[in-house]
């Protein structure tokens, strides 16, 4: 498989690389309700992802946070999703912002916890609070 650095920049698929493929796989595993597998996939994706593609890297980070959320690891999910928000603030891709807000909505049952309050503060600093 070509890495992002191997693909010629003039190629219409220059951005396709192992990190992106693993990120998509992680998203599919989340949809199938397999958080442990999604967690492993997103973690792997982040280690091989070309970080110059900030939107894709942020989306992979969000998949990792959602995997923690599905696994019931709320504090870790809040921290990772906050990291994704910081990355998303660099380009404000509409899909990513929407998915961040969806992830935050899923965390509503833990609204009063310190981790969620800290996440809300990070989202607000990034301009992605509930009312932004």
N, C-alpha and C. Protein backbone atom coordinates (compact mmCIF):
# COMPACT_ATOMS: atom_id res chain seq x y z
N UNK A 1 0.85 -1.18 0.00
CA UNK A 1 0.00 0.00 0.00
C UNK A 1 0.89 1.24 0.00
N UNK A 2 0.48 2.22 -0.74
CA UNK A 2 1.22 3.48 -0.79
C UNK A 2 0.98 4.27 0.48
N UNK A 3 2.02 4.90 0.96
CA UNK A 3 1.82 5.84 2.05
C UNK A 3 1.54 7.20 1.44
N UNK A 4 1.13 8.14 2.26
CA UNK A 4 0.83 9.48 1.75
C UNK A 4 2.07 10.12 1.14
N UNK A 5 3.23 9.75 1.63
CA UNK A 5 4.45 10.34 1.08
C UNK A 5 4.85 9.67 -0.23
N UNK A 6 4.34 8.44 -0.50
CA UNK A 6 4.66 7.75 -1.74
C UNK A 6 3.76 8.16 -2.89
N UNK A 7 2.54 8.59 -2.60
CA UNK A 7 1.59 8.94 -3.66
C UNK A 7 2.02 10.25 -4.30
N UNK A 8 2.03 10.29 -5.63
CA UNK A 8 2.40 11.55 -6.28
C UNK A 8 1.37 12.63 -5.99
N UNK A 9 1.81 13.86 -5.72
CA UNK A 9 0.89 14.93 -5.36
C UNK A 9 -0.12 15.25 -6.46
N UNK A 10 0.20 14.93 -7.71
CA UNK A 10 -0.75 15.20 -8.79
C UNK A 10 -1.82 14.11 -8.92
N UNK A 11 -1.69 13.04 -8.16
CA UNK A 11 -2.66 11.95 -8.20
C UNK A 11 -3.99 12.41 -7.62
N UNK A 12 -5.12 12.01 -8.21
CA UNK A 12 -6.43 12.38 -7.64
C UNK A 12 -6.67 11.72 -6.28
N UNK A 13 -5.87 10.73 -5.95
CA UNK A 13 -6.02 10.04 -4.66
C UNK A 13 -4.81 10.27 -3.77
N UNK A 14 -4.20 11.43 -3.87
CA UNK A 14 -2.98 11.73 -3.12
C UNK A 14 -3.16 11.61 -1.61
N UNK A 15 -4.38 11.80 -1.15
CA UNK A 15 -4.63 11.80 0.29
C UNK A 15 -4.94 10.41 0.84
N UNK A 16 -5.11 9.42 -0.03
CA UNK A 16 -5.39 8.07 0.45
C UNK A 16 -4.12 7.40 0.92
N UNK A 17 -4.15 6.93 2.14
CA UNK A 17 -3.01 6.26 2.75
C UNK A 17 -3.54 5.37 3.85
N UNK A 18 -2.66 4.61 4.43
CA UNK A 18 -3.06 3.62 5.42
C UNK A 18 -3.83 4.25 6.59
N UNK A 19 -3.40 5.39 7.06
CA UNK A 19 -4.07 6.04 8.19
C UNK A 19 -5.52 6.35 7.88
N UNK A 20 -5.78 6.86 6.70
CA UNK A 20 -7.16 7.18 6.31
C UNK A 20 -8.00 5.91 6.18
N UNK A 21 -7.43 4.88 5.60
CA UNK A 21 -8.17 3.63 5.45
C UNK A 21 -8.52 3.01 6.80
N UNK A 22 -7.56 3.03 7.72
CA UNK A 22 -7.81 2.49 9.05
C UNK A 22 -8.83 3.35 9.79
N UNK A 23 -8.80 4.66 9.57
CA UNK A 23 -9.78 5.55 10.18
C UNK A 23 -11.20 5.20 9.70
N UNK A 24 -11.35 4.97 8.40
CA UNK A 24 -12.66 4.58 7.87
C UNK A 24 -13.10 3.23 8.43
N UNK A 25 -12.17 2.32 8.56
CA UNK A 25 -12.48 1.01 9.14
C UNK A 25 -12.96 1.19 10.59
N UNK A 26 -12.31 2.06 11.33
CA UNK A 26 -12.71 2.33 12.70
C UNK A 26 -14.13 2.88 12.77
N UNK A 27 -14.44 3.79 11.84
CA UNK A 27 -15.80 4.35 11.78
C UNK A 27 -16.83 3.25 11.53
N UNK A 28 -16.53 2.33 10.64
CA UNK A 28 -17.45 1.22 10.35
C UNK A 28 -17.62 0.33 11.58
N UNK A 29 -16.54 0.07 12.29
CA UNK A 29 -16.62 -0.75 13.49
C UNK A 29 -17.48 -0.07 14.56
N UNK A 30 -17.40 1.26 14.64
CA UNK A 30 -18.26 1.99 15.57
C UNK A 30 -19.73 1.80 15.20
N UNK A 31 -20.03 1.88 13.90
CA UNK A 31 -21.40 1.69 13.44
C UNK A 31 -21.90 0.29 13.73
N UNK A 32 -21.00 -0.68 13.75
CA UNK A 32 -21.35 -2.06 14.06
C UNK A 32 -21.41 -2.33 15.57
N UNK A 33 -21.09 -1.30 16.38
CA UNK A 33 -21.13 -1.46 17.83
C UNK A 33 -19.99 -2.30 18.38
N UNK A 34 -18.82 -2.17 17.76
CA UNK A 34 -17.63 -2.91 18.19
C UNK A 34 -16.56 -1.92 18.67
N UNK A 35 -16.76 -1.37 19.87
CA UNK A 35 -15.86 -0.30 20.32
C UNK A 35 -14.41 -0.73 20.53
N UNK A 36 -14.17 -1.95 21.01
CA UNK A 36 -12.78 -2.37 21.24
C UNK A 36 -12.01 -2.45 19.93
N UNK A 37 -12.66 -3.00 18.91
CA UNK A 37 -12.01 -3.08 17.60
C UNK A 37 -11.83 -1.69 17.00
N UNK A 38 -12.84 -0.84 17.18
CA UNK A 38 -12.76 0.54 16.67
C UNK A 38 -11.64 1.30 17.39
N UNK A 39 -11.50 1.06 18.67
CA UNK A 39 -10.46 1.70 19.46
C UNK A 39 -9.08 1.31 18.94
N UNK A 40 -8.89 0.03 18.69
CA UNK A 40 -7.61 -0.44 18.17
C UNK A 40 -7.34 0.14 16.79
N UNK A 41 -8.36 0.17 15.95
CA UNK A 41 -8.20 0.70 14.60
C UNK A 41 -7.86 2.18 14.60
N UNK A 42 -8.59 2.96 15.37
CA UNK A 42 -8.33 4.40 15.42
C UNK A 42 -6.95 4.69 16.01
N UNK A 43 -6.57 3.93 17.02
CA UNK A 43 -5.24 4.12 17.61
C UNK A 43 -4.15 3.85 16.59
N UNK A 44 -4.31 2.76 15.83
CA UNK A 44 -3.36 2.45 14.78
C UNK A 44 -3.37 3.54 13.71
N UNK A 45 -4.56 3.96 13.32
CA UNK A 45 -4.69 5.00 12.31
C UNK A 45 -3.94 6.26 12.69
N UNK A 46 -4.04 6.65 13.94
CA UNK A 46 -3.37 7.88 14.38
C UNK A 46 -1.86 7.75 14.36
N UNK A 47 -1.35 6.54 14.55
CA UNK A 47 0.11 6.38 14.53
C UNK A 47 0.68 6.43 13.12
N UNK A 48 -0.13 6.10 12.12
CA UNK A 48 0.37 6.09 10.74
C UNK A 48 -0.20 7.23 9.90
N UNK A 49 -1.08 8.03 10.47
CA UNK A 49 -1.75 9.09 9.72
C UNK A 49 -0.77 10.21 9.38
N UNK A 50 -0.89 10.73 8.20
CA UNK A 50 -0.13 11.90 7.80
C UNK A 50 -0.79 13.12 8.45
N UNK A 51 -0.15 13.68 9.44
CA UNK A 51 -0.74 14.76 10.23
C UNK A 51 -0.91 16.06 9.44
N UNK A 52 -0.35 16.13 8.24
CA UNK A 52 -0.55 17.34 7.44
C UNK A 52 -1.98 17.42 6.93
N UNK A 53 -2.71 16.31 6.94
CA UNK A 53 -4.14 16.30 6.59
C UNK A 53 -4.93 16.45 7.88
N UNK A 54 -4.99 17.68 8.39
CA UNK A 54 -5.53 17.95 9.71
C UNK A 54 -6.98 17.49 9.84
N UNK A 55 -7.80 17.72 8.82
CA UNK A 55 -9.20 17.33 8.94
C UNK A 55 -9.35 15.82 9.09
N UNK A 56 -8.61 15.04 8.31
CA UNK A 56 -8.68 13.58 8.42
C UNK A 56 -8.11 13.09 9.73
N UNK A 57 -7.02 13.70 10.17
CA UNK A 57 -6.41 13.32 11.46
C UNK A 57 -7.37 13.63 12.60
N UNK A 58 -8.04 14.78 12.51
CA UNK A 58 -9.03 15.14 13.54
C UNK A 58 -10.20 14.16 13.54
N UNK A 59 -10.65 13.74 12.37
CA UNK A 59 -11.75 12.79 12.28
C UNK A 59 -11.35 11.44 12.86
N UNK A 60 -10.13 11.00 12.60
CA UNK A 60 -9.64 9.76 13.19
C UNK A 60 -9.58 9.90 14.71
N UNK A 61 -9.15 11.05 15.20
CA UNK A 61 -9.12 11.31 16.64
C UNK A 61 -10.54 11.25 17.21
N UNK A 62 -11.50 11.79 16.49
CA UNK A 62 -12.89 11.73 16.92
C UNK A 62 -13.39 10.29 16.96
N UNK A 63 -12.99 9.47 15.99
CA UNK A 63 -13.37 8.05 16.01
C UNK A 63 -12.81 7.39 17.28
N UNK A 64 -11.60 7.74 17.64
CA UNK A 64 -11.00 7.20 18.86
C UNK A 64 -11.83 7.62 20.08
N UNK A 65 -12.20 8.88 20.14
CA UNK A 65 -13.03 9.36 21.25
C UNK A 65 -14.38 8.66 21.30
N UNK A 66 -15.00 8.47 20.15
CA UNK A 66 -16.29 7.79 20.10
C UNK A 66 -16.15 6.32 20.49
N UNK A 67 -15.02 5.70 20.17
CA UNK A 67 -14.78 4.32 20.60
C UNK A 67 -14.69 4.25 22.12
N UNK A 68 -13.99 5.21 22.72
CA UNK A 68 -13.93 5.27 24.19
C UNK A 68 -15.33 5.46 24.76
N UNK A 69 -16.11 6.31 24.13
CA UNK A 69 -17.47 6.57 24.60
C UNK A 69 -18.31 5.30 24.54
N UNK A 70 -18.27 4.60 23.40
CA UNK A 70 -19.03 3.35 23.28
C UNK A 70 -18.57 2.30 24.28
N UNK A 71 -17.28 2.33 24.64
CA UNK A 71 -16.73 1.37 25.60
C UNK A 71 -17.05 1.77 27.04
N UNK A 72 -17.69 2.92 27.23
CA UNK A 72 -18.04 3.37 28.58
C UNK A 72 -16.92 4.10 29.30
N UNK A 73 -15.88 4.47 28.58
CA UNK A 73 -14.73 5.18 29.15
C UNK A 73 -14.95 6.68 28.96
N UNK A 74 -15.80 7.25 29.78
CA UNK A 74 -16.29 8.61 29.58
C UNK A 74 -15.20 9.66 29.74
N UNK A 75 -14.38 9.55 30.77
CA UNK A 75 -13.32 10.54 30.98
C UNK A 75 -12.35 10.56 29.80
N UNK A 76 -11.94 9.38 29.36
CA UNK A 76 -11.01 9.29 28.23
C UNK A 76 -11.68 9.81 26.96
N UNK A 77 -12.95 9.47 26.76
CA UNK A 77 -13.69 9.94 25.59
C UNK A 77 -13.73 11.47 25.56
N UNK A 78 -14.03 12.08 26.70
CA UNK A 78 -14.12 13.54 26.77
C UNK A 78 -12.77 14.18 26.44
N UNK A 79 -11.70 13.61 26.95
CA UNK A 79 -10.37 14.17 26.71
C UNK A 79 -10.01 14.06 25.23
N UNK A 80 -10.23 12.89 24.62
CA UNK A 80 -9.87 12.68 23.22
C UNK A 80 -10.75 13.53 22.30
N UNK A 81 -12.03 13.61 22.60
CA UNK A 81 -12.94 14.43 21.78
C UNK A 81 -12.55 15.90 21.89
N UNK A 82 -12.10 16.32 23.06
CA UNK A 82 -11.58 17.69 23.21
C UNK A 82 -10.36 17.92 22.33
N UNK A 83 -9.50 16.92 22.21
CA UNK A 83 -8.34 17.02 21.31
C UNK A 83 -8.79 17.15 19.86
N UNK A 84 -9.81 16.38 19.50
CA UNK A 84 -10.35 16.46 18.13
C UNK A 84 -10.90 17.86 17.87
N UNK A 85 -11.54 18.45 18.88
CA UNK A 85 -12.08 19.80 18.71
C UNK A 85 -10.97 20.81 18.47
N UNK A 86 -9.86 20.66 19.18
CA UNK A 86 -8.73 21.55 18.98
C UNK A 86 -8.19 21.46 17.57
N UNK A 87 -8.14 20.24 17.04
CA UNK A 87 -7.69 20.05 15.65
C UNK A 87 -8.72 20.61 14.68
N UNK A 88 -9.99 20.36 14.95
CA UNK A 88 -11.06 20.82 14.05
C UNK A 88 -11.11 22.35 13.97
N UNK A 89 -10.71 23.01 15.03
CA UNK A 89 -10.73 24.47 15.05
C UNK A 89 -9.78 25.06 14.02
N UNK A 90 -8.82 24.25 13.55
CA UNK A 90 -7.86 24.74 12.56
C UNK A 90 -8.47 24.90 11.17
N UNK A 91 -9.54 24.13 10.87
CA UNK A 91 -10.11 24.26 9.53
C UNK A 91 -11.64 24.34 9.50
N UNK A 92 -12.29 24.04 10.59
CA UNK A 92 -13.75 24.19 10.74
C UNK A 92 -14.54 23.45 9.66
N UNK A 93 -14.09 22.26 9.27
CA UNK A 93 -14.82 21.45 8.29
C UNK A 93 -16.20 21.14 8.85
N UNK A 94 -17.24 21.41 8.07
CA UNK A 94 -18.62 21.29 8.53
C UNK A 94 -18.94 19.89 9.04
N UNK A 95 -18.52 18.86 8.33
CA UNK A 95 -18.82 17.48 8.76
C UNK A 95 -18.19 17.19 10.11
N UNK A 96 -16.97 17.62 10.29
CA UNK A 96 -16.27 17.37 11.54
C UNK A 96 -16.93 18.09 12.71
N UNK A 97 -17.30 19.35 12.51
CA UNK A 97 -17.97 20.12 13.56
C UNK A 97 -19.30 19.46 13.92
N UNK A 98 -20.03 19.02 12.91
CA UNK A 98 -21.31 18.33 13.16
C UNK A 98 -21.10 17.05 13.96
N UNK A 99 -20.09 16.28 13.60
CA UNK A 99 -19.83 15.03 14.30
C UNK A 99 -19.33 15.27 15.72
N UNK A 100 -18.60 16.36 15.93
CA UNK A 100 -18.19 16.72 17.30
C UNK A 100 -19.41 17.03 18.15
N UNK A 101 -20.33 17.78 17.60
CA UNK A 101 -21.54 18.12 18.34
C UNK A 101 -22.40 16.89 18.61
N UNK A 102 -22.44 15.97 17.65
CA UNK A 102 -23.19 14.73 17.84
C UNK A 102 -22.56 13.91 18.96
N UNK A 103 -21.23 13.83 18.97
CA UNK A 103 -20.54 13.10 20.03
C UNK A 103 -20.84 13.73 21.39
N UNK A 104 -20.82 15.05 21.43
CA UNK A 104 -21.11 15.73 22.70
C UNK A 104 -22.54 15.45 23.16
N UNK A 105 -23.48 15.40 22.23
CA UNK A 105 -24.87 15.11 22.58
C UNK A 105 -24.98 13.71 23.19
N UNK A 106 -24.22 12.77 22.67
CA UNK A 106 -24.23 11.40 23.22
C UNK A 106 -23.73 11.36 24.67
N UNK A 107 -23.02 12.38 25.07
CA UNK A 107 -22.45 12.42 26.42
C UNK A 107 -23.38 13.08 27.43
N UNK A 108 -24.57 13.42 26.99
CA UNK A 108 -25.53 14.12 27.85
C UNK A 108 -25.77 13.42 29.19
N UNK A 109 -25.84 12.08 29.24
CA UNK A 109 -26.08 11.43 30.54
C UNK A 109 -25.00 11.72 31.59
N UNK A 110 -23.83 12.15 31.18
CA UNK A 110 -22.74 12.43 32.10
C UNK A 110 -22.49 13.92 32.24
N UNK A 111 -23.50 14.71 31.94
CA UNK A 111 -23.44 16.17 31.90
C UNK A 111 -22.76 16.78 33.12
N UNK A 112 -23.04 16.26 34.29
CA UNK A 112 -22.54 16.88 35.52
C UNK A 112 -21.13 16.50 35.91
N UNK A 113 -20.47 15.64 35.15
CA UNK A 113 -19.14 15.20 35.55
C UNK A 113 -18.08 16.24 35.19
N UNK A 114 -16.98 16.18 35.90
CA UNK A 114 -15.88 17.11 35.67
C UNK A 114 -15.35 16.96 34.24
N UNK A 115 -15.25 15.74 33.75
CA UNK A 115 -14.71 15.51 32.40
C UNK A 115 -15.57 16.19 31.33
N UNK A 116 -16.87 16.12 31.49
CA UNK A 116 -17.76 16.73 30.49
C UNK A 116 -17.76 18.25 30.63
N UNK A 117 -17.68 18.74 31.83
CA UNK A 117 -17.57 20.20 32.00
C UNK A 117 -16.29 20.73 31.35
N UNK A 118 -15.19 19.97 31.53
CA UNK A 118 -13.93 20.38 30.91
C UNK A 118 -14.03 20.31 29.38
N UNK A 119 -14.70 19.29 28.86
CA UNK A 119 -14.92 19.19 27.42
C UNK A 119 -15.72 20.38 26.92
N UNK A 120 -16.78 20.73 27.63
CA UNK A 120 -17.60 21.87 27.21
C UNK A 120 -16.78 23.16 27.16
N UNK A 121 -15.87 23.33 28.12
CA UNK A 121 -15.00 24.51 28.12
C UNK A 121 -14.09 24.51 26.90
N UNK A 122 -13.53 23.33 26.57
CA UNK A 122 -12.65 23.23 25.39
C UNK A 122 -13.44 23.51 24.11
N UNK A 123 -14.63 22.95 24.02
CA UNK A 123 -15.47 23.18 22.84
C UNK A 123 -15.79 24.67 22.69
N UNK A 124 -16.10 25.32 23.81
CA UNK A 124 -16.41 26.75 23.76
C UNK A 124 -15.18 27.56 23.33
N UNK A 125 -14.00 27.22 23.85
CA UNK A 125 -12.76 27.92 23.46
C UNK A 125 -12.48 27.75 21.98
N UNK A 126 -12.88 26.60 21.42
CA UNK A 126 -12.66 26.33 19.98
C UNK A 126 -13.79 26.89 19.12
N UNK A 127 -14.78 27.51 19.75
CA UNK A 127 -15.89 28.06 19.00
C UNK A 127 -16.89 27.01 18.55
N UNK A 128 -16.93 25.89 19.28
CA UNK A 128 -17.82 24.79 18.90
C UNK A 128 -18.75 24.40 20.03
N UNK A 129 -19.04 25.35 20.88
CA UNK A 129 -19.98 25.07 21.94
C UNK A 129 -21.37 24.81 21.38
N UNK A 130 -22.27 24.42 22.22
CA UNK A 130 -23.63 24.05 21.79
C UNK A 130 -24.31 25.17 21.02
N UNK A 131 -24.01 26.40 21.33
CA UNK A 131 -24.69 27.51 20.69
C UNK A 131 -23.85 28.23 19.64
N UNK A 132 -22.65 27.71 19.39
CA UNK A 132 -21.76 28.38 18.41
C UNK A 132 -22.18 28.10 17.00
